Amino acid sequence: MAWDRREIIGLLRLEIENIRQRGFGPYFRDSVLCINAGKTLRADPCDQCLLLKFVPEEARKEAVPCYHILLNAAGETVASLRGQPAAKQLEAAVLGWMEATASRLEKEFDDDRVRKAR
């Protein structure tokens, strides 16, 4: 499934607000970003999820690919942080990634609009 950049930006912004209001958990699984959110089983394959485009190629075959999105320059991922006692560190890393990604996509969208208007 092809995801429109505006859809991704909107979902990222919505999830940022959700996290700020209720916290982050259980990782991306309960997120509006997850193709299987609200489903008891993984009814849809992860390769159809909008988050897959942010997963490094070598991690796309993992059981839960979105756990391997690089959240920051330190190379932290949900997989590397989820076992740590500081849940706030994981939440901050995910929020930082979502904010940076949404901002980058918004800039790309605006740049594309300017180019097309010329």
Protein backbone atom coordinates (compact mmCIF):
# COMPACT_ATOMS: atom_id res chain seq x y z
CA MET A 1 0.00 0.00 0.00
CA ALA A 2 1.34 3.41 -0.94
CA TRP A 3 1.08 5.99 1.82
CA ASP A 4 0.63 9.63 0.94
CA ARG A 5 3.14 11.92 2.67
CA ARG A 6 0.27 14.06 4.04
CA GLU A 7 -1.33 10.95 5.58
CA ILE A 8 1.93 10.01 7.26
CA ILE A 9 2.44 13.54 8.59
CA GLY A 10 -1.12 13.63 9.93
CA LEU A 11 -0.80 10.25 11.63
CA LEU A 12 2.58 11.17 13.13
CA ARG A 13 1.15 14.43 14.51
CA LEU A 14 -1.90 12.58 15.88
CA GLU A 15 0.28 9.98 17.57
CA ILE A 16 2.53 12.67 19.05
CA GLU A 17 -0.54 14.19 20.71
CA ASN A 18 -1.74 10.74 21.85
CA ILE A 19 1.62 10.04 23.49
CA ARG A 20 1.67 13.43 25.19
CA GLN A 21 -1.79 12.77 26.60
CA ARG A 22 -1.54 9.10 27.58
CA GLY A 23 2.10 8.05 27.31
CA PHE A 24 3.79 5.60 24.96
CA GLY A 25 3.02 1.94 25.05
CA PRO A 26 3.08 -0.83 24.18
CA TYR A 27 5.64 0.46 21.75
CA PHE A 28 4.23 1.05 18.26
CA ARG A 29 1.67 -1.78 18.62
CA ASP A 30 -1.08 0.39 20.15
CA SER A 31 -0.35 3.33 17.86
CA VAL A 32 -2.47 4.86 15.10
CA LEU A 33 0.66 4.28 13.01
CA CYS A 34 0.43 0.48 13.30
CA ILE A 35 -1.44 -1.33 10.54
CA ASN A 36 -2.59 -3.86 13.15
CA ALA A 37 -3.56 -1.40 15.91
CA GLY A 38 -6.58 -2.59 17.82
CA LYS A 39 -6.40 -6.10 16.38
CA THR A 40 -5.71 -9.04 18.64
CA LEU A 41 -3.60 -10.77 16.01
CA ARG A 42 -1.42 -9.41 13.25
CA ALA A 43 -4.10 -9.62 10.60
CA ASP A 44 -2.18 -7.49 8.14
CA PRO A 45 1.46 -8.06 7.21
CA CYS A 46 3.96 -5.52 8.47
CA ASP A 47 5.19 -4.99 4.91
CA GLN A 48 1.94 -3.06 4.32
CA CYS A 49 2.57 -0.70 7.25
CA LEU A 50 3.55 2.93 6.74
CA LEU A 51 6.28 2.53 9.36
CA LEU A 52 8.19 0.05 7.20
CA LYS A 53 9.63 2.87 5.08
CA PHE A 54 11.51 4.05 8.19
CA VAL A 55 12.94 0.62 9.05
CA PRO A 56 16.51 -0.08 7.89
CA GLU A 57 16.55 -2.59 5.03
CA GLU A 58 18.40 -5.22 7.08
CA ALA A 59 15.71 -5.17 9.79
CA ARG A 60 12.62 -5.40 7.58
CA LYS A 61 12.33 -9.17 8.04
CA GLU A 62 12.38 -8.96 11.85
CA ALA A 63 9.28 -10.19 13.72
CA VAL A 64 8.37 -6.60 14.59
CA PRO A 65 10.21 -4.41 12.07
CA CYS A 66 9.13 -1.05 13.55
CA TYR A 67 11.03 -1.89 16.75
CA HIS A 68 14.21 -1.38 14.68
CA ILE A 69 13.56 2.17 13.43
CA LEU A 70 16.60 4.29 14.30
CA LEU A 71 15.17 6.82 16.74
CA ASN A 72 18.20 9.08 17.09
CA ALA A 73 21.83 9.67 16.19
CA ALA A 74 22.90 7.31 18.98
CA GLY A 75 21.26 4.46 17.03
CA GLU A 76 18.71 3.70 19.72
CA THR A 77 15.64 1.72 18.72
CA VAL A 78 12.52 0.53 20.50
CA ALA A 79 14.18 -2.92 20.55
CA SER A 80 17.30 -1.57 22.26
CA LEU A 81 15.44 0.63 24.77
CA ARG A 82 12.34 -1.37 25.69
CA GLY A 83 14.03 -3.57 28.24
CA GLN A 84 15.46 -0.64 30.16
CA PRO A 85 13.88 0.52 33.40
CA ALA A 86 13.57 4.14 32.22
CA ALA A 87 10.34 4.10 30.19
CA LYS A 88 10.57 7.89 29.90
CA GLN A 89 13.83 7.51 27.92
CA LEU A 90 12.03 5.31 25.39
CA GLU A 91 9.07 7.70 25.23
CA ALA A 92 11.38 10.70 24.73
CA ALA A 93 13.31 8.91 21.96
CA VAL A 94 10.11 7.92 20.14
CA LEU A 95 8.64 11.42 20.48
CA GLY A 96 11.88 12.95 19.24
CA TRP A 97 11.90 10.64 16.22
CA MET A 98 8.23 11.36 15.45
CA GLU A 99 8.73 15.12 15.72
CA ALA A 100 11.87 15.08 13.56
CA THR A 101 10.27 12.79 10.97
CA ALA A 102 7.06 14.83 10.76
CA SER A 103 9.06 18.06 10.42
CA ARG A 104 11.29 16.56 7.72
CA LEU A 105 8.29 15.28 5.77
CA GLU A 106 6.53 18.65 6.09
CA LYS A 107 9.62 20.40 4.72
CA GLU A 108 9.84 17.92 1.83
CA PHE A 109 6.12 18.45 1.11
CA ASP A 110 6.53 22.24 1.14
CA ASP A 111 9.66 22.05 -1.05
CA ASP A 112 7.78 19.85 -3.57
CA ARG A 113 4.89 22.33 -3.67
CA VAL A 114 7.27 25.23 -4.31
CA ARG A 115 9.03 23.29 -7.10
CA LYS A 116 5.71 22.40 -8.75
CA ALA A 117 4.52 26.01 -8.54
CA ARG A 118 7.51 27.25 -10.55
